[in-house]
Amino acid sequence: MINRTQIMKGILEGCVLALLSREKLYSQEIPKKLGALGMTDISDGTLFPLLLRLESDELIQSEKVPITNGPARKYYNTTEKGLEELSKFKEIWKALDASVNMILSGGEIDERA
């Protein structure tokens, strides 16, 4: 049985890096932005370990920003290393997307390659 969640987990890292490369986001904004772009069902149990790992790997950085009516909020954005990783992800995704689309559309295999 095809599990949409498992497929999403595989590409979530690249998508989060892409979002954070465009703007600094509060942790609770990330799943909302992903959902608005069609990546629904991203749970906190999936997202927060990913953010911790990305930060540990120095692909993103966080900053606590005080707010007037509550505790400080943690905002994330990509680092230079994260932008490099995003660039690699884009290359891999383009090649994978092309291959999967070829397979799904019944494309011919070049046996000479």
C-alpha atoms as a PDB file:
ATOM      1  CA  MET A   1       0.000   0.000   0.000  1.00  0.00           C
ATOM      2  CA  ILE A   2       1.328   3.447  -0.908  1.00  0.00           C
ATOM      3  CA  ASN A   3       1.849   5.609   2.173  1.00  0.00           C
ATOM      4  CA  ARG A   4       1.723   9.332   1.367  1.00  0.00           C
ATOM      5  CA  THR A   5       3.276  10.217   4.736  1.00  0.00           C
ATOM      6  CA  GLN A   6       6.402   8.165   4.055  1.00  0.00           C
ATOM      7  CA  ILE A   7       6.868   9.788   0.655  1.00  0.00           C
ATOM      8  CA  MET A   8       6.432  13.246   2.199  1.00  0.00           C
ATOM      9  CA  LYS A   9       9.006  12.563   4.917  1.00  0.00           C
ATOM     10  CA  GLY A  10      11.547  11.795   2.221  1.00  0.00           C
ATOM     11  CA  ILE A  11      11.258  15.227   0.633  1.00  0.00           C
ATOM     12  CA  LEU A  12      10.346  17.307   3.671  1.00  0.00           C
ATOM     13  CA  GLU A  13      13.919  18.353   4.463  1.00  0.00           C
ATOM     14  CA  GLY A  14      14.413  19.966   1.048  1.00  0.00           C
ATOM     15  CA  CYS A  15      11.032  21.665   1.214  1.00  0.00           C
ATOM     16  CA  VAL A  16      11.720  23.102   4.687  1.00  0.00           C
ATOM     17  CA  LEU A  17      15.131  24.373   3.530  1.00  0.00           C
ATOM     18  CA  ALA A  18      13.454  26.000   0.520  1.00  0.00           C
ATOM     19  CA  LEU A  19      10.858  27.773   2.685  1.00  0.00           C
ATOM     20  CA  LEU A  20      13.478  28.991   5.151  1.00  0.00           C
ATOM     21  CA  SER A  21      15.719  30.208   2.337  1.00  0.00           C
ATOM     22  CA  ARG A  22      13.008  32.703   1.376  1.00  0.00           C
ATOM     23  CA  GLU A  23      12.111  34.039   4.808  1.00  0.00           C
ATOM     24  CA  LYS A  24      12.649  33.630   8.529  1.00  0.00           C
ATOM     25  CA  LEU A  25       9.767  31.595   9.925  1.00  0.00           C
ATOM     26  CA  TYR A  26       8.410  30.907  13.394  1.00  0.00           C
ATOM     27  CA  SER A  27       8.281  27.178  14.019  1.00  0.00           C
ATOM     28  CA  GLN A  28       4.462  27.112  13.970  1.00  0.00           C
ATOM     29  CA  GLU A  29       4.380  28.917  10.611  1.00  0.00           C
ATOM     30  CA  ILE A  30       6.336  26.182   8.831  1.00  0.00           C
ATOM     31  CA  PRO A  31       3.592  23.505   8.758  1.00  0.00           C
ATOM     32  CA  LYS A  32       1.012  26.167   7.847  1.00  0.00           C
ATOM     33  CA  LYS A  33       3.100  27.299   4.853  1.00  0.00           C
ATOM     34  CA  LEU A  34       3.732  23.695   3.816  1.00  0.00           C
ATOM     35  CA  GLY A  35       0.023  22.925   4.110  1.00  0.00           C
ATOM     36  CA  ALA A  36      -0.936  25.955   2.036  1.00  0.00           C
ATOM     37  CA  LEU A  37       1.374  24.624  -0.675  1.00  0.00           C
ATOM     38  CA  GLY A  38      -0.201  21.158  -0.646  1.00  0.00           C
ATOM     39  CA  MET A  39       2.014  19.369   1.877  1.00  0.00           C
ATOM     40  CA  THR A  40      -0.655  18.604   4.439  1.00  0.00           C
ATOM     41  CA  ASP A  41      -0.521  16.268   7.425  1.00  0.00           C
ATOM     42  CA  ILE A  42       2.921  17.361   8.652  1.00  0.00           C
ATOM     43  CA  SER A  43       2.822  16.603  12.362  1.00  0.00           C
ATOM     44  CA  ASP A  44       4.856  18.211  15.128  1.00  0.00           C
ATOM     45  CA  GLY A  45       6.320  14.761  15.741  1.00  0.00           C
ATOM     46  CA  THR A  46       7.783  14.864  12.239  1.00  0.00           C
ATOM     47  CA  LEU A  47       8.670  18.544  11.988  1.00  0.00           C
ATOM     48  CA  PHE A  48      10.384  19.278  15.299  1.00  0.00           C
ATOM     49  CA  PRO A  49      12.913  16.413  15.158  1.00  0.00           C
ATOM     50  CA  LEU A  50      13.696  17.525  11.595  1.00  0.00           C
ATOM     51  CA  LEU A  51      14.277  21.129  12.725  1.00  0.00           C
ATOM     52  CA  LEU A  52      16.526  19.921  15.551  1.00  0.00           C
ATOM     53  CA  ARG A  53      18.556  17.788  13.150  1.00  0.00           C
ATOM     54  CA  LEU A  54      18.855  20.551  10.564  1.00  0.00           C
ATOM     55  CA  GLU A  55      20.041  22.938  13.260  1.00  0.00           C
ATOM     56  CA  SER A  56      22.480  20.372  14.655  1.00  0.00           C
ATOM     57  CA  ASP A  57      23.846  19.848  11.126  1.00  0.00           C
ATOM     58  CA  GLU A  58      24.204  23.658  10.821  1.00  0.00           C
ATOM     59  CA  LEU A  59      21.852  23.804   7.830  1.00  0.00           C
ATOM     60  CA  ILE A  60      19.501  26.173   9.649  1.00  0.00           C
ATOM     61  CA  GLN A  61      19.877  28.526  12.572  1.00  0.00           C
ATOM     62  CA  SER A  62      17.376  29.732  15.103  1.00  0.00           C
ATOM     63  CA  GLU A  63      16.827  32.976  16.904  1.00  0.00           C
ATOM     64  CA  LYS A  64      14.533  33.595  19.858  1.00  0.00           C
ATOM     65  CA  VAL A  65      12.504  36.747  19.325  1.00  0.00           C
ATOM     66  CA  PRO A  66      10.647  38.258  22.283  1.00  0.00           C
ATOM     67  CA  ILE A  67       6.985  39.084  21.856  1.00  0.00           C
ATOM     68  CA  THR A  68       4.895  41.387  24.032  1.00  0.00           C
ATOM     69  CA  ASN A  69       2.142  38.969  25.062  1.00  0.00           C
ATOM     70  CA  GLY A  70       3.911  35.671  25.676  1.00  0.00           C
ATOM     71  CA  PRO A  71       7.119  33.712  25.624  1.00  0.00           C
ATOM     72  CA  ALA A  72       9.809  34.364  23.014  1.00  0.00           C
ATOM     73  CA  ARG A  73       9.259  32.699  19.661  1.00  0.00           C
ATOM     74  CA  LYS A  74      11.902  30.658  17.898  1.00  0.00           C
ATOM     75  CA  TYR A  75      12.448  31.723  14.290  1.00  0.00           C
ATOM     76  CA  TYR A  76      14.471  29.709  11.783  1.00  0.00           C
ATOM     77  CA  ASN A  77      16.331  30.516   8.597  1.00  0.00           C
ATOM     78  CA  THR A  78      18.898  28.756   6.438  1.00  0.00           C
ATOM     79  CA  THR A  79      22.653  29.092   6.768  1.00  0.00           C
ATOM     80  CA  GLU A  80      25.121  29.202   3.878  1.00  0.00           C
ATOM     81  CA  LYS A  81      25.640  25.476   4.397  1.00  0.00           C
ATOM     82  CA  GLY A  82      21.864  25.030   4.249  1.00  0.00           C
ATOM     83  CA  LEU A  83      21.678  26.926   0.962  1.00  0.00           C
ATOM     84  CA  GLU A  84      24.353  24.634  -0.475  1.00  0.00           C
ATOM     85  CA  GLU A  85      22.380  21.598   0.702  1.00  0.00           C
ATOM     86  CA  LEU A  86      19.215  23.049  -0.846  1.00  0.00           C
ATOM     87  CA  SER A  87      21.020  23.444  -4.148  1.00  0.00           C
ATOM     88  CA  LYS A  88      22.056  19.767  -4.029  1.00  0.00           C
ATOM     89  CA  PHE A  89      18.495  18.757  -3.135  1.00  0.00           C
ATOM     90  CA  LYS A  90      17.139  20.672  -6.147  1.00  0.00           C
ATOM     91  CA  GLU A  91      19.526  18.859  -8.505  1.00  0.00           C
ATOM     92  CA  ILE A  92      18.626  15.464  -7.072  1.00  0.00           C
ATOM     93  CA  TRP A  93      14.908  16.278  -7.113  1.00  0.00           C
ATOM     94  CA  LYS A  94      14.958  17.371 -10.776  1.00  0.00           C
ATOM     95  CA  ALA A  95      16.690  14.163 -11.835  1.00  0.00           C
ATOM     96  CA  LEU A  96      14.421  11.993  -9.682  1.00  0.00           C
ATOM     97  CA  ASP A  97      11.294  13.811 -10.866  1.00  0.00           C
ATOM     98  CA  ALA A  98      12.291  13.305 -14.493  1.00  0.00           C
ATOM     99  CA  SER A  99      13.025   9.596 -13.918  1.00  0.00           C
ATOM    100  CA  VAL A 100       9.806   8.895 -12.038  1.00  0.00           C
ATOM    101  CA  ASN A 101       7.718  10.759 -14.607  1.00  0.00           C
ATOM    102  CA  MET A 102       9.405   8.794 -17.396  1.00  0.00           C
ATOM    103  CA  ILE A 103       8.669   5.511 -15.649  1.00  0.00           C
ATOM    104  CA  LEU A 104       5.068   6.416 -14.807  1.00  0.00           C
ATOM    105  CA  SER A 105       4.339   7.592 -18.342  1.00  0.00           C
ATOM    106  CA  GLY A 106       5.639   4.325 -19.824  1.00  0.00           C
ATOM    107  CA  GLY A 107       8.808   5.783 -21.277  1.00  0.00           C
ATOM    108  CA  GLU A 108      11.195   3.523 -23.133  1.00  0.00           C
ATOM    109  CA  ILE A 109      14.452   2.351 -21.612  1.00  0.00           C
ATOM    110  CA  ASP A 110      17.582   2.823 -23.690  1.00  0.00           C
ATOM    111  CA  GLU A 111      19.273  -0.575 -23.262  1.00  0.00           C
ATOM    112  CA  ARG A 112      22.508   0.840 -24.745  1.00  0.00           C
ATOM    113  CA  ALA A 113      23.019   3.293 -21.891  1.00  0.00           C
END
